[in-house]
Amino acid sequence: MQVVKTTRHFANLFEMPVLFYLACVLCLVVGLTSGALVVLSWLYVIFRILHATIHLTYNNVRHRLAAFVASNICLIGIWGIIVGHTI
C-alpha cells in the first residue's frame, strides 16, 4: 500500500507544481524579482512539503486539503504578480 501511495504522490509532482516550475523559469528569463514573489514562492514550497508529509504519513484528508489549498493560493498569487508585471 505504501508503494501505491508513494507512486500517486510522485505523479502529483507533475500536476500543479509544473506551473510553479514554469513561473520560476519565466521570472528568471524576464528578470522579474520582488519581495512578494520570494515570499509566495517559499510559502508554496513549504505548503507542498507539508502536503507531502501529510500525504505520506498519517494522510488526514482535511489537513492535506488545507495544505493543498494554501499552496494553490500562493501559486495564484505568483501568477497574478507575473501577469500584472508583464501586461
N, C-alpha and C. Protein backbone atom coordinates (compact mmCIF):
# COMPACT_ATOMS: atom_id res chain seq x y z
N MET A 1 0.82 -1.20 0.00
CA MET A 1 0.00 0.00 0.00
C MET A 1 0.86 1.26 0.00
N GLN A 2 1.98 1.23 0.73
CA GLN A 2 2.87 2.39 0.79
C GLN A 2 3.44 2.70 -0.60
N VAL A 3 3.71 1.67 -1.38
CA VAL A 3 4.24 1.88 -2.73
C VAL A 3 3.22 2.59 -3.60
N VAL A 4 1.96 2.21 -3.50
CA VAL A 4 0.90 2.84 -4.29
C VAL A 4 0.76 4.30 -3.89
N LYS A 5 0.77 4.57 -2.59
CA LYS A 5 0.63 5.94 -2.10
C LYS A 5 1.81 6.80 -2.56
N THR A 6 3.02 6.26 -2.49
CA THR A 6 4.20 6.99 -2.92
C THR A 6 4.17 7.24 -4.42
N THR A 7 3.72 6.27 -5.18
CA THR A 7 3.61 6.42 -6.63
C THR A 7 2.60 7.50 -6.98
N ARG A 8 1.45 7.52 -6.30
CA ARG A 8 0.45 8.57 -6.54
C ARG A 8 1.00 9.95 -6.18
N HIS A 9 1.73 10.00 -5.08
CA HIS A 9 2.30 11.28 -4.68
C HIS A 9 3.33 11.76 -5.70
N PHE A 10 4.15 10.87 -6.20
CA PHE A 10 5.13 11.23 -7.22
C PHE A 10 4.44 11.75 -8.47
N ALA A 11 3.33 11.14 -8.85
CA ALA A 11 2.56 11.61 -10.01
C ALA A 11 2.01 13.01 -9.78
N ASN A 12 1.65 13.32 -8.51
CA ASN A 12 1.14 14.66 -8.19
C ASN A 12 2.18 15.74 -8.44
N LEU A 13 3.46 15.40 -8.37
CA LEU A 13 4.52 16.38 -8.58
C LEU A 13 4.58 16.85 -10.03
N PHE A 14 3.84 16.20 -10.92
CA PHE A 14 3.82 16.61 -12.32
C PHE A 14 2.48 17.24 -12.70
N GLU A 15 1.77 17.73 -11.71
CA GLU A 15 0.50 18.41 -11.96
C GLU A 15 0.64 19.89 -11.62
N MET A 16 0.17 20.34 -10.48
CA MET A 16 0.24 21.75 -10.11
C MET A 16 1.67 22.29 -9.98
N PRO A 17 2.60 21.53 -9.40
CA PRO A 17 3.96 22.08 -9.29
C PRO A 17 4.60 22.46 -10.62
N VAL A 18 4.15 21.86 -11.72
CA VAL A 18 4.70 22.23 -13.03
C VAL A 18 4.44 23.72 -13.31
N LEU A 19 3.29 24.22 -12.88
CA LEU A 19 3.00 25.65 -13.05
C LEU A 19 3.95 26.50 -12.20
N PHE A 20 4.34 25.99 -11.04
CA PHE A 20 5.31 26.69 -10.20
C PHE A 20 6.68 26.70 -10.88
N TYR A 21 7.09 25.55 -11.42
CA TYR A 21 8.38 25.48 -12.11
C TYR A 21 8.39 26.45 -13.29
N LEU A 22 7.32 26.48 -14.04
CA LEU A 22 7.21 27.38 -15.19
C LEU A 22 7.28 28.84 -14.74
N ALA A 23 6.60 29.18 -13.66
CA ALA A 23 6.63 30.55 -13.14
C ALA A 23 8.05 30.93 -12.74
N CYS A 24 8.77 30.03 -12.10
CA CYS A 24 10.16 30.31 -11.70
C CYS A 24 11.04 30.56 -12.92
N VAL A 25 10.92 29.71 -13.92
CA VAL A 25 11.72 29.88 -15.13
C VAL A 25 11.35 31.18 -15.83
N LEU A 26 10.08 31.48 -15.91
CA LEU A 26 9.62 32.71 -16.56
C LEU A 26 10.17 33.94 -15.84
N CYS A 27 10.15 33.93 -14.51
CA CYS A 27 10.70 35.05 -13.74
C CYS A 27 12.20 35.21 -13.99
N LEU A 28 12.91 34.11 -14.12
CA LEU A 28 14.34 34.17 -14.40
C LEU A 28 14.61 34.74 -15.79
N VAL A 29 13.84 34.28 -16.77
CA VAL A 29 14.04 34.72 -18.15
C VAL A 29 13.71 36.20 -18.30
N VAL A 30 12.61 36.63 -17.70
CA VAL A 30 12.15 38.02 -17.83
C VAL A 30 12.93 38.93 -16.88
N GLY A 31 13.54 38.38 -15.85
CA GLY A 31 14.25 39.18 -14.86
C GLY A 31 13.34 39.81 -13.83
N LEU A 32 12.22 39.17 -13.58
CA LEU A 32 11.23 39.68 -12.64
C LEU A 32 11.58 39.24 -11.23
N THR A 33 11.80 40.22 -10.35
CA THR A 33 12.07 39.91 -8.95
C THR A 33 11.27 40.86 -8.06
N SER A 34 10.80 40.35 -6.98
CA SER A 34 10.13 41.18 -5.97
C SER A 34 10.10 40.40 -4.66
N GLY A 35 9.98 41.14 -3.59
CA GLY A 35 9.89 40.50 -2.29
C GLY A 35 8.67 39.61 -2.18
N ALA A 36 7.56 40.06 -2.76
CA ALA A 36 6.32 39.28 -2.71
C ALA A 36 6.49 37.94 -3.43
N LEU A 37 7.19 37.96 -4.57
CA LEU A 37 7.42 36.71 -5.30
C LEU A 37 8.26 35.74 -4.48
N VAL A 38 9.27 36.26 -3.81
CA VAL A 38 10.13 35.40 -2.99
C VAL A 38 9.34 34.80 -1.84
N VAL A 39 8.55 35.61 -1.15
CA VAL A 39 7.76 35.12 -0.02
C VAL A 39 6.74 34.09 -0.48
N LEU A 40 6.00 34.41 -1.55
CA LEU A 40 4.99 33.47 -2.05
C LEU A 40 5.63 32.17 -2.53
N SER A 41 6.79 32.27 -3.15
CA SER A 41 7.47 31.06 -3.63
C SER A 41 7.90 30.17 -2.48
N TRP A 42 8.47 30.75 -1.44
CA TRP A 42 8.88 29.95 -0.29
C TRP A 42 7.67 29.37 0.44
N LEU A 43 6.60 30.17 0.54
CA LEU A 43 5.38 29.64 1.16
C LEU A 43 4.83 28.47 0.34
N TYR A 44 4.88 28.58 -0.98
CA TYR A 44 4.41 27.50 -1.84
C TYR A 44 5.22 26.22 -1.56
N VAL A 45 6.53 26.36 -1.50
CA VAL A 45 7.39 25.20 -1.25
C VAL A 45 7.09 24.60 0.13
N ILE A 46 6.94 25.44 1.14
CA ILE A 46 6.65 24.96 2.49
C ILE A 46 5.31 24.22 2.53
N PHE A 47 4.29 24.79 1.89
CA PHE A 47 2.98 24.12 1.88
C PHE A 47 3.01 22.81 1.10
N ARG A 48 3.81 22.74 0.04
CA ARG A 48 3.92 21.48 -0.72
C ARG A 48 4.67 20.42 0.11
N ILE A 49 5.68 20.84 0.86
CA ILE A 49 6.38 19.89 1.73
C ILE A 49 5.42 19.39 2.81
N LEU A 50 4.65 20.31 3.37
CA LEU A 50 3.65 19.93 4.38
C LEU A 50 2.63 18.96 3.78
N HIS A 51 2.16 19.26 2.58
CA HIS A 51 1.21 18.39 1.89
C HIS A 51 1.81 17.00 1.69
N ALA A 52 3.06 16.95 1.25
CA ALA A 52 3.72 15.66 1.02
C ALA A 52 3.88 14.88 2.32
N THR A 53 4.26 15.59 3.37
CA THR A 53 4.44 14.93 4.67
C THR A 53 3.13 14.34 5.17
N ILE A 54 2.06 15.12 5.07
CA ILE A 54 0.75 14.62 5.49
C ILE A 54 0.33 13.43 4.63
N HIS A 55 0.51 13.55 3.32
CA HIS A 55 0.07 12.51 2.40
C HIS A 55 0.82 11.19 2.63
N LEU A 56 2.09 11.29 2.91
CA LEU A 56 2.90 10.08 3.03
C LEU A 56 2.96 9.52 4.44
N THR A 57 2.39 10.25 5.42
CA THR A 57 2.38 9.74 6.80
C THR A 57 0.96 9.39 7.23
N TYR A 58 0.31 10.26 7.97
CA TYR A 58 -0.99 9.92 8.55
C TYR A 58 -2.17 10.19 7.63
N ASN A 59 -1.99 10.96 6.57
CA ASN A 59 -2.95 11.16 5.48
C ASN A 59 -4.35 11.59 5.93
N ASN A 60 -4.41 12.60 6.79
CA ASN A 60 -5.71 13.18 7.15
C ASN A 60 -6.14 14.08 6.00
N VAL A 61 -7.28 13.79 5.41
CA VAL A 61 -7.72 14.48 4.21
C VAL A 61 -7.94 15.98 4.46
N ARG A 62 -8.50 16.33 5.59
CA ARG A 62 -8.74 17.76 5.88
C ARG A 62 -7.44 18.52 5.99
N HIS A 63 -6.46 17.96 6.67
CA HIS A 63 -5.17 18.62 6.81
C HIS A 63 -4.47 18.72 5.46
N ARG A 64 -4.53 17.64 4.70
CA ARG A 64 -3.91 17.63 3.38
C ARG A 64 -4.57 18.64 2.46
N LEU A 65 -5.90 18.73 2.51
CA LEU A 65 -6.63 19.69 1.68
C LEU A 65 -6.26 21.12 2.05
N ALA A 66 -6.11 21.40 3.35
CA ALA A 66 -5.74 22.75 3.78
C ALA A 66 -4.36 23.13 3.22
N ALA A 67 -3.41 22.22 3.27
CA ALA A 67 -2.08 22.50 2.72
C ALA A 67 -2.15 22.66 1.21
N PHE A 68 -2.97 21.87 0.55
CA PHE A 68 -3.13 21.94 -0.91
C PHE A 68 -3.74 23.28 -1.32
N VAL A 69 -4.78 23.69 -0.63
CA VAL A 69 -5.45 24.96 -0.95
C VAL A 69 -4.50 26.13 -0.70
N ALA A 70 -3.78 26.09 0.42
CA ALA A 70 -2.84 27.17 0.74
C ALA A 70 -1.74 27.26 -0.32
N SER A 71 -1.24 26.13 -0.78
CA SER A 71 -0.20 26.16 -1.82
C SER A 71 -0.75 26.71 -3.12
N ASN A 72 -1.99 26.37 -3.45
CA ASN A 72 -2.57 26.88 -4.69
C ASN A 72 -2.87 28.37 -4.61
N ILE A 73 -3.23 28.86 -3.44
CA ILE A 73 -3.43 30.31 -3.27
C ILE A 73 -2.10 31.03 -3.50
N CYS A 74 -1.02 30.48 -2.99
CA CYS A 74 0.30 31.07 -3.23
C CYS A 74 0.63 31.06 -4.72
N LEU A 75 0.32 29.95 -5.39
CA LEU A 75 0.60 29.84 -6.82
C LEU A 75 -0.22 30.84 -7.62
N ILE A 76 -1.47 31.03 -7.26
CA ILE A 76 -2.30 32.03 -7.94
C ILE A 76 -1.71 33.42 -7.72
N GLY A 77 -1.23 33.69 -6.51
CA GLY A 77 -0.60 34.98 -6.24
C GLY A 77 0.65 35.20 -7.08
N ILE A 78 1.46 34.15 -7.21
CA ILE A 78 2.68 34.24 -8.03
C ILE A 78 2.32 34.57 -9.47
N TRP A 79 1.35 33.84 -10.02
CA TRP A 79 0.95 34.09 -11.41
C TRP A 79 0.28 35.46 -11.56
N GLY A 80 -0.42 35.90 -10.53
CA GLY A 80 -1.01 37.24 -10.57
C GLY A 80 0.05 38.32 -10.66
N ILE A 81 1.13 38.17 -9.91
CA ILE A 81 2.23 39.13 -9.97
C ILE A 81 2.90 39.09 -11.34
N ILE A 82 3.11 37.90 -11.85
CA ILE A 82 3.75 37.76 -13.18
C ILE A 82 2.89 38.44 -14.25
N VAL A 83 1.61 38.12 -14.25
CA VAL A 83 0.71 38.71 -15.25
C VAL A 83 0.64 40.23 -15.08
N GLY A 84 0.56 40.69 -13.83
CA GLY A 84 0.50 42.12 -13.57
C GLY A 84 1.73 42.88 -14.03
N HIS A 85 2.89 42.25 -14.00
CA HIS A 85 4.12 42.92 -14.42
C HIS A 85 4.39 42.80 -15.92
N THR A 86 3.78 41.82 -16.56
CA THR A 86 4.05 41.63 -17.99
C THR A 86 3.01 42.31 -18.88
N ILE A 87 1.90 42.69 -18.32
CA ILE A 87 0.86 43.35 -19.14
C ILE A 87 1.01 44.84 -19.06
